[in-house]
Amino acid sequence: MRPQKCTSETAQTMQDVRYEIDRLDVALVRLIAERQSFMEAAARIKSDRTKVLDRDRIEDVVTKIVKEAEAAGLSPAIAEPVWRKMIERCIAYEFTSFDQSNA
């Protein structure tokens, strides 16, 4: 049985909590898939493989994310390592996409 829609403040049972976490996970997967599609676009647009890894851009993104996390009430201790890992994996994906589109 599906629990009633609730918030973190109104959740009454672990079933409520788990249902909402699962719902949010699906939304996150869709957003990350959309983000990944832009890695494919970047691989297509960049003219040189050496441009795939941009350390200044990584730090710019992380700085923005930490600031946004703090404003949204998300612990930077969660946000920063999650984004760094996602960026790391996205760069690896972009290298693969670049290599495939330039083979």
Protein backbone atom coordinates (compact mmCIF):
# COMPACT_ATOMS: atom_id res chain seq x y z
CA MET A 1 0.00 0.00 0.00
CA ARG A 2 1.31 3.45 -0.97
CA PRO A 3 1.60 5.85 1.94
CA GLN A 4 0.08 9.30 1.70
CA LYS A 5 2.38 11.97 0.28
CA CYS A 6 4.23 13.61 3.10
CA THR A 7 7.17 15.80 3.93
CA SER A 8 10.10 15.08 6.20
CA GLU A 9 8.22 16.96 8.92
CA THR A 10 4.95 15.04 8.47
CA ALA A 11 6.35 11.52 7.93
CA GLN A 12 4.97 9.19 10.58
CA THR A 13 6.40 5.80 9.64
CA MET A 14 9.53 4.33 8.10
CA GLN A 15 7.28 3.29 5.20
CA ASP A 16 6.54 7.00 4.62
CA VAL A 17 10.24 7.85 4.78
CA ARG A 18 11.29 5.04 2.44
CA TYR A 19 8.56 5.83 -0.08
CA GLU A 20 9.64 9.48 -0.26
CA ILE A 21 13.34 8.58 -0.50
CA ASP A 22 12.56 6.19 -3.37
CA ARG A 23 10.49 8.91 -5.08
CA LEU A 24 13.34 11.40 -4.73
CA ASP A 25 15.90 8.86 -5.97
CA VAL A 26 13.91 8.45 -9.19
CA ALA A 27 13.85 12.23 -9.67
CA LEU A 28 17.60 12.44 -9.01
CA VAL A 29 18.34 9.70 -11.55
CA ARG A 30 16.38 11.61 -14.20
CA LEU A 31 18.24 14.85 -13.42
CA ILE A 32 21.63 13.12 -13.46
CA ALA A 33 20.74 11.49 -16.79
CA GLU A 34 19.95 14.95 -18.17
CA ARG A 35 23.29 16.20 -16.81
CA GLN A 36 25.03 13.26 -18.48
CA SER A 37 23.52 14.21 -21.82
CA PHE A 38 25.40 17.49 -21.59
CA MET A 39 28.64 15.56 -21.10
CA GLU A 40 27.90 13.99 -24.47
CA ALA A 41 27.29 17.46 -25.93
CA ALA A 42 30.54 18.74 -24.44
CA ALA A 43 32.45 15.79 -25.93
CA ARG A 44 30.91 16.55 -29.31
CA ILE A 45 31.64 20.30 -29.10
CA LYS A 46 35.18 20.23 -27.71
CA SER A 47 37.78 20.20 -30.45
CA ASP A 48 40.61 18.76 -28.39
CA ARG A 49 40.74 15.90 -25.87
CA THR A 50 42.97 17.99 -23.59
CA LYS A 51 39.99 20.32 -23.03
CA VAL A 52 37.90 17.59 -21.40
CA LEU A 53 39.52 18.02 -17.98
CA ASP A 54 39.25 21.62 -16.78
CA ARG A 55 40.35 21.90 -13.15
CA ASP A 56 39.32 25.57 -12.88
CA ARG A 57 35.79 24.64 -14.02
CA ILE A 58 35.66 21.81 -11.47
CA GLU A 59 36.46 24.19 -8.62
CA ASP A 60 33.97 26.74 -9.96
CA VAL A 61 31.20 24.12 -10.00
CA VAL A 62 32.05 22.84 -6.52
CA THR A 63 32.15 26.38 -5.10
CA LYS A 64 28.71 27.11 -6.56
CA ILE A 65 27.32 23.81 -5.29
CA VAL A 66 28.59 24.34 -1.74
CA LYS A 67 27.04 27.80 -1.69
CA GLU A 68 23.73 26.49 -3.06
CA ALA A 69 23.80 23.55 -0.63
CA GLU A 70 24.21 25.88 2.33
CA ALA A 71 21.33 28.06 1.10
CA ALA A 72 19.10 25.00 0.63
CA GLY A 73 19.93 23.44 3.98
CA LEU A 74 22.03 20.62 2.53
CA SER A 75 25.15 19.85 4.49
CA PRO A 76 28.27 20.83 2.52
CA ALA A 77 29.81 17.67 4.03
CA ILE A 78 27.35 15.74 1.85
CA ALA A 79 27.19 18.04 -1.17
CA GLU A 80 30.89 18.57 -1.85
CA PRO A 81 32.05 14.93 -1.94
CA VAL A 82 28.93 13.85 -3.86
CA TRP A 83 29.53 16.49 -6.53
CA ARG A 84 33.26 15.83 -6.70
CA LYS A 85 32.59 12.14 -7.31
CA MET A 86 29.87 12.90 -9.85
CA ILE A 87 32.20 15.33 -11.67
CA GLU A 88 34.98 12.72 -11.63
CA ARG A 89 32.69 10.10 -13.18
CA CYS A 90 31.23 12.61 -15.66
CA ILE A 91 34.72 13.53 -16.84
CA ALA A 92 35.52 9.85 -17.35
CA TYR A 93 32.26 9.51 -19.28
CA GLU A 94 33.10 12.59 -21.35
CA PHE A 95 36.55 11.17 -22.21
CA THR A 96 34.87 7.96 -23.41
CA SER A 97 32.31 9.93 -25.41
CA PHE A 98 35.03 12.14 -26.90
CA ASP A 99 37.10 9.13 -27.91
CA GLN A 100 34.09 7.40 -29.50
CA SER A 101 33.00 10.47 -31.43
CA ASN A 102 36.55 11.11 -32.68
CA ALA A 103 37.51 7.53 -33.52
